[in-house]
Protein backbone atom coordinates (compact mmCIF):
# COMPACT_ATOMS: atom_id res chain seq x y z
CA MET A 1 118.95 67.52 7.29
CA ASN A 2 119.30 64.34 9.29
CA THR A 3 116.08 62.36 8.81
CA THR A 4 115.94 60.69 12.19
CA ILE A 5 116.46 64.09 14.04
CA GLN A 6 113.90 65.76 11.80
CA GLU A 7 111.35 63.05 12.57
CA LYS A 8 111.93 63.59 16.30
CA LEU A 9 111.56 67.33 16.08
CA ASN A 10 108.45 66.94 13.94
CA TYR A 11 106.82 64.73 16.62
CA TYR A 12 107.42 67.25 19.40
CA PHE A 13 107.05 70.50 17.35
CA PRO A 14 104.64 69.51 14.53
CA LYS A 15 103.09 72.83 13.78
CA PHE A 16 106.39 74.64 13.94
CA ILE A 17 108.17 72.16 11.68
CA SER A 18 105.26 71.92 9.13
CA LYS A 19 104.95 75.72 8.73
CA ILE A 20 108.74 76.66 8.62
CA ASP A 21 109.90 78.71 5.62
CA LYS A 22 113.19 77.43 4.32
CA ALA A 23 114.28 81.05 3.74
CA SER A 24 113.59 82.09 7.24
CA ASP A 25 115.83 82.48 10.34
CA GLU A 26 113.88 79.79 12.02
CA TYR A 27 114.95 77.26 9.34
CA LYS A 28 118.48 78.40 9.53
CA ALA A 29 118.37 78.03 13.33
CA LEU A 30 116.76 74.57 13.08
CA TYR A 31 119.37 73.48 10.60
CA SER A 32 122.19 74.82 12.65
CA GLY A 33 120.89 72.96 15.75
CA ILE A 34 120.69 69.69 13.97
CA ASP A 35 124.31 70.30 12.77
CA CYS A 36 125.31 70.82 16.36
CA LEU A 37 123.70 67.59 17.47
CA MET A 38 125.47 65.77 14.67
CA LYS A 39 128.77 67.27 15.99
CA LYS A 40 127.70 66.36 19.65
CA ASP A 41 127.85 69.95 20.73
CA LEU A 42 124.46 71.58 21.39
CA SER A 43 125.65 73.82 24.25
CA LEU A 44 123.55 76.11 26.32
CA ALA A 45 124.96 79.16 24.47
CA LYS A 46 124.16 77.62 21.13
CA LEU A 47 120.60 76.44 22.21
CA ASN A 48 119.88 79.92 23.45
CA GLN A 49 121.07 81.59 20.27
CA LEU A 50 118.80 79.25 18.25
CA LEU A 51 115.87 79.94 20.51
CA ASN A 52 116.40 83.70 20.03
CA LEU A 53 116.61 83.29 16.29
CA CYS A 54 113.21 81.65 16.55
CA SER A 55 111.89 84.62 18.52
CA ARG A 56 111.69 82.55 21.77
CA PRO A 57 113.23 83.51 25.12
CA GLY A 58 116.45 81.84 26.02
CA ILE A 59 116.70 79.41 29.06
CA SER A 60 118.78 79.53 32.25
CA TYR A 61 121.64 77.25 32.97
CA GLY A 62 119.48 75.81 35.78
CA PHE A 63 116.66 74.85 33.35
CA TYR A 64 119.14 73.42 30.88
CA LYS A 65 120.91 71.38 33.57
CA TYR A 66 117.72 70.21 35.33
CA TYR A 67 116.05 68.88 32.13
CA PHE A 68 119.02 67.70 30.03
CA LEU A 69 122.00 66.95 32.31
CA ALA A 70 120.59 65.80 35.68
CA VAL A 71 118.49 63.04 37.19
CA PRO A 72 117.01 64.83 40.14
CA ILE A 73 115.95 62.39 42.85
CA THR A 74 113.46 64.76 44.40
CA HIS A 75 111.28 65.12 41.36
CA PRO A 76 107.63 63.93 41.93
CA TYR A 77 108.21 60.79 39.72
CA PRO A 78 111.34 58.84 38.71
CA VAL A 79 112.58 60.63 35.65
CA ASN A 80 115.14 57.79 34.90
CA LEU A 81 112.16 55.50 34.11
CA ILE A 82 110.83 57.61 31.22
CA GLU A 83 111.16 55.57 28.12
CA THR A 84 114.24 56.58 26.32
CA LYS A 85 117.19 55.17 24.30
CA LEU A 86 119.57 57.41 26.36
CA VAL A 87 121.97 55.65 28.82
CA ILE A 88 121.05 57.64 31.96
CA ASP A 89 124.35 56.89 33.60
CA ASP A 90 126.22 58.63 30.86
CA LEU A 91 124.72 61.97 31.84
CA ALA A 92 127.15 62.31 34.59
CA LYS A 93 130.00 62.62 32.03
CA ARG A 94 128.16 65.26 29.92
CA ASP A 95 128.18 69.09 30.22
CA ARG A 96 126.01 69.74 27.14
CA ILE A 97 123.49 67.90 24.83
CA THR A 98 125.42 65.59 22.62
CA ASP A 99 122.84 63.59 20.79
CA VAL A 100 119.16 63.35 19.77
CA ASP A 101 118.22 60.70 22.56
CA GLN A 102 119.35 63.15 25.24
CA LEU A 103 117.42 65.96 23.64
CA GLU A 104 114.29 63.93 23.33
CA TRP A 105 114.60 62.71 26.92
CA GLY A 106 114.71 66.32 28.12
CA LEU A 107 111.85 67.37 25.88
CA LYS A 108 109.74 64.50 27.15
CA ARG A 109 110.52 65.57 30.75
CA ILE A 110 109.33 69.04 30.03
CA MET A 111 106.17 67.93 28.29
CA TYR A 112 105.46 65.55 31.23
CA ASP A 113 105.80 68.29 33.70
CA ALA A 114 103.65 70.60 31.64
CA LEU A 115 100.89 68.17 31.37
CA LEU A 116 101.08 67.14 35.05
CA TYR A 117 101.47 70.52 36.75
CA PHE A 118 100.53 73.32 34.38
CA GLY A 119 98.08 71.93 31.76
CA ASN A 120 99.72 74.13 29.07
CA PHE A 121 103.10 74.01 27.43
CA LEU A 122 103.52 77.74 27.29
CA LYS A 123 102.56 78.22 30.99
CA ALA A 124 105.18 75.65 32.03
CA PHE A 125 107.98 77.12 29.86
CA SER A 126 107.11 80.70 30.98
CA LYS A 127 107.32 79.72 34.66
CA LEU A 128 110.34 77.52 34.59
CA HIS A 129 112.64 78.64 31.71
CA SER A 130 114.55 81.40 33.64
CA MET A 131 114.65 79.77 37.07
CA SER A 132 117.83 78.39 38.78
CA PHE A 133 118.42 74.74 39.20
CA GLU A 134 117.81 74.96 42.94
CA ASP A 135 114.57 76.87 42.44
CA ILE A 136 113.24 74.37 39.92
CA ALA A 137 114.17 71.46 42.20
CA ASP A 138 112.45 73.15 45.18
CA PHE A 139 109.33 73.82 43.05
CA PHE A 140 108.97 70.26 42.19
CA LYS A 141 109.98 68.90 45.55
CA ASP A 142 106.88 70.68 46.94
CA LYS A 143 104.64 68.47 44.60
CA ARG A 144 105.90 65.27 46.24
CA PHE A 145 104.31 63.25 48.96
CA ASP A 146 106.53 63.18 52.07
CA THR A 147 107.05 59.47 51.93
CA GLU A 148 109.59 59.49 54.81
CA LYS A 149 107.09 61.12 57.00
CA LEU A 150 104.38 58.68 56.21
CA LEU A 151 106.68 55.78 57.00
CA MET A 152 107.89 57.32 60.38
CA ARG A 153 104.56 58.48 61.71
CA GLY A 154 103.72 55.28 63.61
CA THR A 155 100.30 53.68 64.37
CA ILE A 156 97.02 55.03 65.68
CA GLU A 157 93.99 53.67 67.42
CA ASN A 158 92.10 51.93 64.70
CA PRO A 159 88.34 51.80 64.20
CA GLN A 160 86.55 49.02 66.06
CA ARG A 161 85.54 46.16 63.87
CA ILE A 162 82.05 45.19 62.91
CA SER A 163 81.21 41.72 61.65
CA LYS A 164 81.00 41.91 57.79
CA ASP A 165 77.57 40.27 57.97
CA ASP A 166 76.30 42.90 60.36
CA ARG A 167 77.66 46.05 58.49
CA PHE A 168 74.42 46.41 56.50
CA LEU A 169 72.87 47.37 59.80
CA ILE A 170 74.58 50.77 59.75
CA SER A 171 73.11 51.71 56.39
CA GLU A 172 70.79 54.77 56.18
CA MET A 173 67.89 52.52 55.34
CA ALA A 174 68.50 50.37 58.41
CA CYS A 175 68.82 53.40 60.59
CA LYS A 176 65.61 55.01 59.41
CA THR A 177 63.88 51.65 59.97
CA TYR A 178 65.07 50.96 63.45
CA GLU A 179 66.11 54.29 64.96
CA GLU A 180 62.89 55.56 66.53
CA ILE A 181 60.87 52.39 67.15
CA THR A 182 59.91 50.98 70.63
CA LYS A 183 58.52 47.64 69.40
CA ILE A 184 59.68 45.43 66.67
CA ASP A 185 56.23 45.24 65.10
CA GLU A 186 56.47 48.91 64.29
CA THR A 187 58.99 48.37 61.50
CA THR A 188 57.75 48.13 57.88
CA HIS A 189 59.78 45.07 56.96
CA VAL A 190 58.65 43.10 60.07
CA ARG A 191 55.02 43.99 59.36
CA ILE A 192 55.61 42.71 55.69
CA ALA A 193 57.31 39.64 57.01
CA ILE A 194 54.32 38.77 59.36
CA GLU A 195 51.82 39.39 56.45
CA ALA A 196 54.03 37.00 54.30
CA PHE A 197 54.11 34.41 57.04
CA LYS A 198 50.27 34.55 57.34
CA GLU A 199 49.84 33.94 53.59
CA LEU A 200 52.24 31.11 53.53
CA GLU A 201 50.62 29.53 56.54
CA ILE A 202 47.20 29.76 54.77
CA ALA A 203 48.78 28.04 51.73
CA LYS A 204 50.03 25.32 54.26
CA GLN A 205 53.61 25.80 52.99
CA GLY A 206 56.59 24.99 55.28
CA VAL A 207 58.31 28.38 56.05
CA THR A 208 61.99 29.05 56.36
CA ALA A 209 63.57 32.49 56.62
CA ARG A 210 64.63 32.27 53.07
CA ILE A 211 61.12 31.29 51.71
CA LEU A 212 59.68 34.07 53.98
CA LYS A 213 62.02 36.59 52.30
CA ILE A 214 60.95 35.57 48.88
CA LYS A 215 57.28 35.95 49.65
CA ALA A 216 57.87 39.14 51.66
CA LYS A 217 59.73 40.77 48.71
CA ASP A 218 56.88 39.91 46.40
CA ILE A 219 54.46 41.75 48.72
CA ALA A 220 56.92 44.63 49.28
CA GLU A 221 57.75 45.19 45.55
CA LYS A 222 54.01 46.00 44.93
CA ASN A 223 54.58 49.12 47.22
CA ASN A 224 58.24 49.89 45.91
CA GLN A 225 59.75 48.63 49.10
CA GLY A 226 61.74 45.64 47.58
CA LEU A 227 65.20 47.25 48.50
CA LEU A 228 64.08 47.31 52.06
CA ILE A 229 63.34 43.62 52.06
CA ASP A 230 66.60 42.72 50.30
CA LEU A 231 68.52 44.57 52.91
CA LEU A 232 66.93 43.61 56.12
CA LEU A 233 65.04 40.33 55.86
CA ASP A 234 66.87 37.24 57.19
CA GLU A 235 68.23 34.71 54.82
CA SER A 236 68.75 31.60 56.99
CA GLU A 237 67.11 28.24 56.55
CA ASP A 238 65.76 28.17 60.07
CA ILE A 239 62.15 26.80 60.27
CA ILE A 240 59.57 29.51 61.26
CA LYS A 241 56.47 28.05 62.92
CA SER A 242 54.72 31.11 64.27
CA ILE A 243 54.43 34.90 64.17
CA ASP A 244 56.38 34.91 67.40
CA ASP A 245 59.30 33.21 65.64
CA VAL A 246 59.21 36.10 63.11
CA ARG A 247 59.25 38.66 65.82
CA ASN A 248 62.08 36.87 67.74
CA MET A 249 64.11 36.60 64.52
CA TYR A 250 64.01 40.43 64.09
CA SER A 251 64.38 41.24 67.68
CA GLY A 252 67.79 39.71 67.49
CA GLN A 253 68.52 41.88 64.39
CA PHE A 254 67.39 44.91 66.23
CA GLU A 255 69.82 44.22 69.08
CA LYS A 256 72.59 43.73 66.48
CA PHE A 257 71.63 47.05 64.87
CA LYS A 258 72.03 48.96 68.18
CA LYS A 259 75.46 47.47 68.78
CA ALA A 260 76.75 47.98 65.21
CA ARG A 261 75.45 51.56 65.10
CA ASN A 262 76.97 52.42 68.44
CA ILE A 263 80.31 51.15 67.26
CA ALA A 264 80.01 53.12 63.94
CA LEU A 265 79.25 56.27 65.68
CA LYS A 266 82.33 55.88 67.93
CA ASN A 267 84.46 54.96 64.79
CA THR A 268 83.35 58.29 63.12
CA ARG A 269 84.93 60.21 66.07
CA LEU A 270 88.19 58.20 65.47
CA TYR A 271 88.06 59.04 61.82
CA LEU A 272 87.61 62.83 62.63
CA SER A 273 90.59 62.55 65.08
CA VAL A 274 92.91 61.69 62.21
CA ILE A 275 91.51 64.13 59.69
CA ASN A 276 94.82 65.94 59.50
CA ASP A 277 96.52 62.86 58.16
CA LEU A 278 93.99 60.86 56.17
CA ASP A 279 95.32 58.81 53.26
CA LEU A 280 92.36 57.02 51.62
CA TYR A 281 88.71 57.68 51.22
CA ILE A 282 86.49 54.76 50.03
CA ALA A 283 83.63 56.04 47.81
CA THR A 284 80.88 53.59 47.34
CA SER A 285 77.10 53.09 47.22
CA MET A 286 75.75 50.17 49.21
CA ARG A 287 72.10 49.00 49.04
CA THR A 288 72.34 45.30 49.86
CA ARG A 289 74.11 43.07 52.34
CA ASP A 290 76.34 41.90 49.55
CA ASP A 291 77.39 45.44 48.74
CA PHE A 292 78.60 45.94 52.31
CA ARG A 293 80.40 42.61 52.37
CA GLU A 294 82.22 43.34 49.14
CA VAL A 295 83.33 46.73 50.09
CA ALA A 296 84.49 45.49 53.53
CA THR A 297 86.47 42.72 51.82
CA LEU A 298 88.09 44.98 49.36
CA SER A 299 88.95 47.61 51.84
CA GLU A 300 90.57 45.00 54.14
CA THR A 301 92.53 43.59 51.23
CA ILE A 302 93.99 47.02 50.53
CA LEU A 303 94.77 47.90 54.20
CA ASN A 304 96.22 44.37 55.01
CA SER A 305 98.44 44.05 51.82
CA ASP A 306 102.11 43.48 52.50
CA LYS A 307 102.97 46.25 49.92
CA LEU A 308 101.27 48.95 52.06
CA ARG A 309 101.65 47.79 55.59
CA GLU A 310 104.70 50.02 56.26
CA PHE A 311 102.59 53.10 55.56
CA ASN A 312 100.18 52.52 58.51
CA LEU A 313 97.39 53.78 56.34
CA ARG A 314 94.65 55.94 57.63
CA CYS A 315 91.55 54.94 55.61
CA PHE A 316 87.93 56.14 55.84
CA ASP A 317 85.92 53.02 55.44
CA PRO A 318 82.10 53.81 55.07
CA THR A 319 81.12 50.26 56.19
CA LEU A 320 82.47 51.15 59.72
CA SER A 321 81.06 54.68 60.08
CA ALA A 322 77.75 56.40 60.89
CA ALA A 323 76.50 59.84 61.86
CA ASN A 324 73.66 60.95 64.09
CA HIS A 325 71.95 62.90 61.30
CA HIS A 326 72.06 62.62 57.56
CA GLU A 327 73.10 66.26 57.29
CA ASP A 328 76.05 65.50 59.51
CA LYS A 329 76.90 62.55 57.20
CA GLY A 330 77.19 64.94 54.26
CA LEU A 331 79.43 67.28 56.15
CA ILE A 332 81.62 64.44 57.37
CA GLU A 333 82.08 62.92 53.90
CA CYS A 334 82.83 66.27 52.21
CA LEU A 335 85.56 66.91 54.88
CA MET A 336 87.03 63.37 54.32
CA VAL A 337 86.99 63.79 50.57
CA LYS A 338 88.84 67.26 50.94
CA ARG A 339 91.55 65.89 53.26
CA ALA A 340 92.23 62.41 51.68
CA LYS A 341 95.35 61.95 49.68
CA ILE A 342 93.79 59.44 47.33
CA LEU A 343 90.11 58.54 46.59
CA ILE A 344 89.23 54.94 45.91
CA TYR A 345 85.99 54.63 43.90
CA PHE A 346 84.25 51.24 43.81
CA ALA A 347 82.33 51.09 40.51
CA GLN A 348 79.30 48.91 40.92
CA HIS A 349 76.39 47.84 38.67
CA LYS A 350 74.33 50.65 40.12
CA GLU A 351 75.81 54.06 40.79
CA SER A 352 74.56 56.79 43.23
CA LEU A 353 74.51 60.53 43.37
CA GLY A 354 76.52 60.57 46.55
CA LYS A 355 79.30 58.39 45.27
CA VAL A 356 79.61 60.18 41.99
CA SER A 357 79.63 63.57 43.85
CA GLU A 358 82.49 62.33 45.91
CA TYR A 359 84.41 61.27 42.87
CA ALA A 360 83.83 64.56 41.14
CA MET A 361 84.84 66.60 44.20
CA ALA A 362 88.12 64.69 44.56
CA LEU A 363 89.11 65.08 40.84
CA SER A 364 88.22 68.80 41.04
CA LEU A 365 90.47 69.09 44.02
CA GLY A 366 93.42 67.59 42.07
CA THR A 367 93.33 64.50 44.14
CA PRO A 368 94.42 61.16 42.60
CA VAL A 369 91.31 58.96 42.00
CA ILE A 370 91.51 55.17 41.46
CA ILE A 371 88.36 53.45 40.05
CA ILE A 372 87.96 49.63 40.53
CA CYS A 373 85.38 47.97 38.47
CA PRO A 374 83.98 44.46 39.09
CA GLU A 375 85.73 41.59 37.35
CA ASP A 376 82.50 40.24 35.93
CA GLU A 377 81.18 40.80 32.40
CA LYS A 378 79.24 43.86 33.43
CA GLY A 379 82.32 45.16 35.19
CA LYS A 380 84.31 44.71 31.90
CA GLU A 381 81.84 46.82 30.05
CA LEU A 382 82.12 49.50 32.86
CA LEU A 383 85.84 49.36 32.59
CA ASP A 384 85.77 49.98 28.82
CA PHE A 385 83.19 52.65 29.07
CA TYR A 386 84.99 54.52 31.87
CA LYS A 387 88.50 54.08 30.45
CA ASN A 388 87.73 54.75 26.73
CA LYS A 389 84.32 56.53 26.27
CA HIS A 390 83.07 58.63 29.25
CA PRO A 391 84.09 62.26 28.86
CA LEU A 392 83.94 63.03 32.57
CA MET A 393 86.62 60.51 33.59
CA ARG A 394 88.79 63.60 33.32
CA LEU A 395 87.77 66.71 35.21
CA VAL A 396 89.68 69.97 35.86
CA ASP A 397 91.43 70.94 39.05
CA PHE A 398 89.54 74.00 40.11
CA LYS A 399 92.69 75.64 41.54
CA THR A 400 94.87 75.24 38.53
CA GLY A 401 92.84 74.33 35.50
CA VAL A 402 95.00 71.18 35.00
CA VAL A 403 93.14 68.19 33.72
CA ASN A 404 92.92 65.39 36.38
CA GLY A 405 92.02 61.97 35.08
CA ALA A 406 90.84 58.87 37.04
CA LEU A 407 92.99 55.77 36.94
CA ILE A 408 90.81 52.82 36.01
CA THR A 409 91.20 49.21 36.62
CA ASN A 410 89.37 45.90 37.63
CA LYS A 411 92.30 44.31 39.44
CA ILE A 412 92.73 44.84 43.26
CA ASP A 413 96.43 44.26 42.92
CA MET A 414 96.72 47.12 40.49
CA VAL A 415 94.85 49.38 43.08
CA ILE A 416 97.42 48.34 45.75
CA GLU A 417 100.34 49.11 43.47
CA LEU A 418 98.91 52.42 42.36
CA ILE A 419 98.47 53.53 45.98
CA TYR A 420 102.05 52.45 46.70
CA ARG A 421 103.43 54.35 43.66
CA ILE A 422 101.40 57.50 44.42
CA LEU A 423 102.60 57.69 48.09
CA SER A 424 106.17 56.75 47.23
CA ASN A 425 106.44 59.22 44.30
CA LYS A 426 107.04 56.33 41.87
CA MET A 427 104.31 57.02 39.33
CA GLU A 428 105.18 56.07 35.73
CA TYR A 429 103.68 57.63 32.56
CA ASN A 430 103.73 57.34 28.80
CA LEU A 431 103.29 60.22 26.24
CA GLU A 432 101.00 59.57 23.39
CA LYS A 433 99.19 61.60 20.70
CA LYS A 434 95.52 61.15 20.07
CA GLU A 435 94.90 58.98 17.01
CA ASN A 436 95.09 60.95 13.76
CA ARG A 437 95.85 64.23 15.43
CA GLU A 438 99.05 66.21 14.95
CA ALA A 439 99.38 67.99 18.22
CA TYR A 440 96.77 66.54 20.72
CA TYR A 441 98.78 65.11 23.61
CA LEU A 442 97.75 62.43 26.09
CA LEU A 443 99.68 61.50 29.31
CA LYS A 444 98.72 57.95 30.27
CA GLU A 445 99.47 56.31 33.58
CA ALA A 446 101.69 53.36 32.63
CA LEU A 447 100.08 50.59 34.69
CA THR A 448 96.48 51.05 33.72
CA GLY A 449 96.81 52.93 30.48
CA SER A 450 94.41 55.42 31.73
CA THR A 451 94.58 59.00 30.38
CA CYS A 452 95.30 61.29 33.33
CA ARG A 453 96.27 64.59 31.59
CA ILE A 454 95.56 66.04 28.11
CA ILE A 455 96.56 69.05 26.09
CA THR A 456 94.16 69.70 23.16
CA ASP A 457 95.25 71.03 19.77
CA ASP A 458 91.95 73.05 19.47
CA LYS A 459 93.37 76.48 19.33
CA MET A 460 90.07 78.38 20.16
CA LEU A 461 89.26 76.08 23.01
CA THR A 462 92.82 76.41 24.34
CA GLU A 463 92.84 80.14 24.09
CA THR A 464 89.40 80.59 25.47
CA PHE A 465 89.95 78.07 28.36
CA TRP A 466 93.16 79.70 29.61
CA ASN A 467 92.08 83.33 28.98
CA TYR A 468 88.98 82.84 31.20
CA TYR A 469 89.93 80.02 33.51
CA SER A 470 93.15 81.65 34.51
CA PRO A 471 93.11 85.32 33.29
CA ASP A 472 96.49 86.10 35.03
């Protein structure tokens, strides 16, 4: 038996090859198939005879052609970029499988598709093996994004901008603080600021807004209100001489709040008006001014990138949106997650229930999720934890049972490239086996190395999962 061919077959069919009895019909069929490959003549008729000898159903000419003889341009990803020694251009001259490289390329494609769209090799083969070429092509064409439509759809009215330095004023904490007051002294943070000013005045210290914030935060933290002070107190170096100066400083902030919130409420109506065609949802948690600035900057970097400009992206940016009631906010965000083509998750040093819930909803809907971690040391730890250790970086599509794994990076350029590849149907993958496992398969996204699909080799788990997840 040819050693190279046997090694290839053992990689793709380890349990079958390892248990095969040399006196059985299966062994004779395997030997006969390898002999056909050596003679450059593994035809459809011969392959079906071998499958039947192994007590497996034969395949249609359409299946044989689609996976071993053709490079379909309407597949959801570019099949010509699958790692292979096969010279793809030579396929046009072939009417059968003539070597092990061609066989391996076709088997990889079948396995990629099983992992991506079925979650189970048997389910994929059962669905596809008897279909015509045209039916298989149509089946996978439906899995594609309509890139041409995205490029041709034109522009829309975009959300009104809010200064990056003022976006913290549309936070829930700012709204709760300012929404129902009639006088600035009624707000908690201004009362604390006045108290801090009085203490500094008694100590005969010169007072700037920055010094006032430090003192106010010290007072606030005793009552677990430090986050409020972090968010709303001013950070300038202006000299403050009186309590009236404190009031005036925050009267100006109150006016900015009203203006920013009014714009954000109008923006939400605009977002709802394009809900039928939403591309990106930004999932984040923002507690400080710097959080708002960072998310705003990253969002603008994505939307203004040359690589994505032609798509005229519709993106829900939470730093530009507000709702009249927190219950409405929850409904709006659930709808946006449901409709978005891609969810971008900003991993930060502190996570939140809301952001994690949005991430989980998206993965469970089968939506592509891209996680971007900070580039600092803490961010590198998060990257490693999410990419290599956390079990819930891969959830299950509730409709299909297929594993859906997040794509994890700390590079904004990679986020942009991933969005481009997803919307252009140009995603690339690599097939690997879990270390020291015979038949545990991982499909990894090529750019980030993130595991996006798995098929386990645990027989009981596999049988139980599919018997009860998808009883039909």
